[in-house]
Amino acid sequence: MISIVDYGAGNLTSVKRALDYSGIKSQITADPKELLTAERIIFPGVGHASSAMKTLIERGLDTALKNAFLSGIPLLGICLGTQIILGHSDEGDTECIGLIEGNCPRFDLKDKSLKIPHMGWDSIRILRDHPVFRNVKPQDEFYFVHSYYPQPADKSTIIALCEYGTEFPVVIGTRNLIATQFHPEKSGPAGLEILKSFSSWDGSPC
């Protein structure tokens, strides 16, 4: 059973529907105890970093996520969930969970013809193999909606990049944690392959 973290952010039901479509059992939960007994955890979301962190702290989910990570439970971050696993976000000058050291800056693009948020379909450049991305093909594209992006301090945690006026990290991970800036649940067959691979991942990085 995969537990989907409910912290008042958007897009939780889209993730649940994608898992249901693939025959993967899941539940949406705001109970910290259920996270600590989950087989796997998905930490998705759309929204504002500061309000998301406020709700996480109020519900005790920030501590539960930290403890789940430390205990080795496989964890997948998506979009806002990817950003606030880092230590800080420039959105609202927010102190975040800190599973990976780093910051989330806002796009500051020299090409003013490019709109922010970055929205739509884009390809990614995978830098190193990862079990969750074993079925991703070079021509695959994924769906993005974001104005901020993850910038981990340790470059070895960057698994894939994307180009939008500048090259930026879109998949980061360490140990039993993998996180995507794009939305696999909205990315058609390629995104479903990522969710399927995550559903059988034991948390080993390779």
Protein backbone atom coordinates (compact mmCIF):
# COMPACT_ATOMS: atom_id res chain seq x y z
CA MET A 1 0.00 0.00 0.00
CA ILE A 2 1.27 3.46 -0.96
CA SER A 3 0.36 6.34 1.36
CA ILE A 4 -0.21 9.70 -0.35
CA VAL A 5 0.52 12.58 2.02
CA ASP A 6 -2.47 14.86 2.62
CA TYR A 7 -1.29 18.29 3.73
CA GLY A 8 -3.94 20.44 2.14
CA ALA A 9 -2.11 20.79 -1.18
CA GLY A 10 -3.70 20.29 -4.58
CA ASN A 11 -3.34 17.34 -6.94
CA LEU A 12 -3.65 14.50 -4.44
CA THR A 13 -6.67 12.94 -6.15
CA SER A 14 -4.91 13.04 -9.54
CA VAL A 15 -2.11 10.94 -8.10
CA LYS A 16 -4.63 8.53 -6.55
CA ARG A 17 -6.48 8.15 -9.86
CA ALA A 18 -3.23 7.45 -11.74
CA LEU A 19 -2.31 4.75 -9.23
CA ASP A 20 -5.82 3.27 -9.37
CA TYR A 21 -5.62 3.17 -13.18
CA SER A 22 -2.38 1.18 -12.92
CA GLY A 23 -3.85 -1.22 -10.38
CA ILE A 24 -1.62 0.09 -7.58
CA LYS A 25 -3.20 0.17 -4.11
CA SER A 26 -2.98 3.52 -2.34
CA GLN A 27 -4.59 5.72 0.27
CA ILE A 28 -4.62 9.45 0.94
CA THR A 29 -3.75 10.10 4.57
CA ALA A 30 -3.02 12.97 6.97
CA ASP A 31 -2.13 10.58 9.79
CA PRO A 32 1.60 10.66 10.70
CA LYS A 33 1.36 7.14 12.16
CA GLU A 34 0.15 5.74 8.84
CA LEU A 35 3.17 7.23 7.07
CA LEU A 36 5.53 5.44 9.44
CA THR A 37 3.89 2.07 8.71
CA ALA A 38 3.49 2.61 4.94
CA GLU A 39 5.23 0.39 2.39
CA ARG A 40 5.91 3.46 0.28
CA ILE A 41 5.05 7.17 0.42
CA ILE A 42 4.19 9.69 -2.29
CA PHE A 43 4.56 13.33 -1.30
CA PRO A 44 2.85 15.31 -4.10
CA GLY A 45 1.28 18.72 -4.27
CA VAL A 46 0.52 21.99 -5.99
CA GLY A 47 0.47 25.21 -3.99
CA HIS A 48 2.56 27.67 -1.99
CA ALA A 49 5.61 26.53 -0.02
CA SER A 50 4.92 28.54 3.14
CA SER A 51 1.28 27.47 3.53
CA ALA A 52 2.24 23.87 2.75
CA MET A 53 4.92 23.86 5.45
CA LYS A 54 2.52 25.44 7.95
CA THR A 55 0.03 22.60 7.42
CA LEU A 56 2.73 19.91 7.49
CA ILE A 57 3.97 21.19 10.85
CA GLU A 58 0.46 21.54 12.30
CA ARG A 59 -0.33 17.92 11.39
CA GLY A 60 3.04 16.55 12.48
CA LEU A 61 3.68 15.35 8.94
CA ASP A 62 7.05 17.09 8.61
CA THR A 63 8.48 14.98 11.43
CA ALA A 64 6.77 11.84 10.10
CA LEU A 65 8.34 12.37 6.67
CA LYS A 66 11.77 12.85 8.20
CA ASN A 67 11.41 9.68 10.26
CA ALA A 68 10.05 7.71 7.32
CA PHE A 69 13.02 8.78 5.23
CA LEU A 70 15.47 7.85 7.98
CA SER A 71 13.80 4.45 8.42
CA GLY A 72 14.30 3.62 4.73
CA ILE A 73 10.70 3.76 3.46
CA PRO A 74 10.78 4.49 -0.30
CA LEU A 75 9.60 8.07 -0.83
CA LEU A 76 8.55 9.85 -4.04
CA GLY A 77 8.21 13.65 -4.10
CA ILE A 78 6.23 15.37 -6.86
CA CYS A 79 6.27 19.09 -7.79
CA LEU A 80 5.71 21.06 -4.55
CA GLY A 81 6.61 17.89 -2.66
CA THR A 82 9.93 17.89 -4.49
CA GLN A 83 10.66 21.51 -3.64
CA ILE A 84 9.96 21.33 0.08
CA ILE A 85 12.03 18.23 0.73
CA LEU A 86 14.92 20.71 0.40
CA GLY A 87 16.07 22.94 3.22
CA HIS A 88 14.68 26.25 2.00
CA SER A 89 12.38 27.79 -0.60
CA ASP A 90 12.57 31.36 -1.85
CA GLU A 91 8.78 31.22 -2.12
CA GLY A 92 7.76 33.05 1.02
CA ASP A 93 11.34 32.72 2.39
CA THR A 94 10.29 29.36 3.80
CA GLU A 95 12.29 26.93 5.91
CA CYS A 96 11.43 23.49 4.57
CA ILE A 97 11.86 19.86 5.61
CA GLY A 98 15.53 19.47 4.75
CA LEU A 99 15.76 15.84 3.60
CA ILE A 100 18.22 17.12 0.99
CA GLU A 101 20.29 20.25 1.57
CA GLY A 102 19.49 23.00 -0.92
CA ASN A 103 17.19 25.81 -2.00
CA CYS A 104 14.29 26.44 -4.41
CA PRO A 105 14.83 29.66 -6.37
CA ARG A 106 12.31 31.23 -8.73
CA PHE A 107 13.04 31.27 -12.44
CA ASP A 108 14.94 34.40 -13.47
CA LEU A 109 15.15 33.99 -17.22
CA LYS A 110 17.15 36.19 -19.60
CA ASP A 111 14.83 35.26 -22.46
CA LYS A 112 11.78 37.38 -21.59
CA SER A 113 9.72 35.67 -24.29
CA LEU A 114 9.56 32.62 -22.03
CA LYS A 115 6.63 32.75 -19.65
CA ILE A 116 6.66 31.92 -15.96
CA PRO A 117 5.34 29.54 -14.77
CA HIS A 118 7.05 26.96 -16.94
CA MET A 119 3.97 25.09 -18.15
CA GLY A 120 3.53 22.25 -20.58
CA TRP A 121 5.40 19.26 -21.95
CA ASP A 122 9.18 18.94 -21.98
CA SER A 123 11.83 16.29 -22.39
CA ILE A 124 14.43 15.59 -19.70
CA ARG A 125 18.10 14.62 -19.77
CA ILE A 126 18.88 11.74 -17.44
CA LEU A 127 22.36 11.95 -15.94
CA ARG A 128 22.50 8.58 -14.21
CA ASP A 129 20.53 5.37 -13.94
CA HIS A 130 17.88 4.94 -11.28
CA PRO A 131 15.45 2.03 -10.77
CA VAL A 132 12.41 4.32 -10.84
CA PHE A 133 13.46 5.60 -14.29
CA ARG A 134 14.44 2.27 -15.80
CA ASN A 135 11.61 2.36 -18.39
CA VAL A 136 11.95 6.04 -19.37
CA LYS A 137 12.95 6.52 -23.02
CA PRO A 138 15.03 9.44 -24.40
CA GLN A 139 12.05 10.71 -26.44
CA ASP A 140 9.63 10.74 -23.49
CA GLU A 141 8.16 14.07 -22.40
CA PHE A 142 6.64 15.04 -19.07
CA TYR A 143 4.16 17.65 -17.88
CA PHE A 144 5.38 20.68 -15.89
CA VAL A 145 3.65 23.53 -14.03
CA HIS A 146 6.02 25.52 -11.79
CA SER A 147 7.71 28.86 -11.14
CA TYR A 148 10.31 27.54 -8.67
CA TYR A 149 12.69 24.63 -9.08
CA PRO A 150 14.92 22.46 -6.86
CA GLN A 151 18.58 23.42 -6.54
CA PRO A 152 20.30 20.87 -4.28
CA ALA A 153 23.63 21.78 -2.72
CA ASP A 154 25.12 18.38 -3.52
CA LYS A 155 25.19 18.01 -7.32
CA SER A 156 25.47 14.23 -6.99
CA THR A 157 21.80 14.18 -5.93
CA ILE A 158 20.74 15.46 -9.38
CA ILE A 159 19.40 12.60 -11.50
CA ALA A 160 17.92 14.51 -14.46
CA LEU A 161 17.83 18.01 -15.96
CA CYS A 162 15.50 20.01 -18.19
CA GLU A 163 16.06 23.08 -20.37
CA TYR A 164 13.78 26.12 -20.11
CA GLY A 165 15.82 29.24 -20.78
CA THR A 166 18.33 27.68 -18.42
CA GLU A 167 19.19 24.12 -17.49
CA PHE A 168 17.75 23.14 -14.11
CA PRO A 169 17.31 19.97 -12.01
CA VAL A 170 14.02 18.13 -12.48
CA VAL A 171 14.77 14.82 -10.75
CA ILE A 172 16.73 14.63 -7.51
CA GLY A 173 17.29 11.83 -5.10
CA THR A 174 19.38 10.16 -2.45
CA ARG A 175 19.11 6.77 -0.77
CA ASN A 176 15.40 5.82 -0.53
CA LEU A 177 14.20 9.22 -1.79
CA ILE A 178 13.43 10.16 -5.41
CA ALA A 179 11.63 13.37 -6.43
CA THR A 180 10.39 14.89 -9.69
CA GLN A 181 9.62 18.52 -10.49
CA PHE A 182 7.25 17.38 -13.25
CA HIS A 183 3.96 15.55 -12.69
CA PRO A 184 4.22 11.84 -13.57
CA GLU A 185 0.50 11.42 -12.82
CA LYS A 186 -0.28 13.90 -15.63
CA SER A 187 2.40 12.69 -18.06
CA GLY A 188 0.61 9.90 -19.89
CA PRO A 189 2.17 6.46 -20.39
CA ALA A 190 5.71 7.63 -19.56
CA GLY A 191 4.57 9.04 -16.23
CA LEU A 192 2.60 5.92 -15.40
CA GLU A 193 5.75 3.86 -16.01
CA ILE A 194 7.52 5.94 -13.35
CA LEU A 195 4.71 5.34 -10.86
CA LYS A 196 4.71 1.61 -11.65
CA SER A 197 8.48 1.41 -11.15
CA PHE A 198 8.20 3.31 -7.87
CA SER A 199 5.48 0.90 -6.67
CA SER A 200 7.99 -1.99 -6.79
CA TRP A 201 11.12 -0.07 -5.76
CA ASP A 202 12.74 -1.30 -2.54
CA GLY A 203 14.49 2.02 -1.84
CA SER A 204 17.91 1.00 -3.11
CA PRO A 205 19.42 3.77 -5.26
CA CYS A 206 20.74 1.35 -7.90
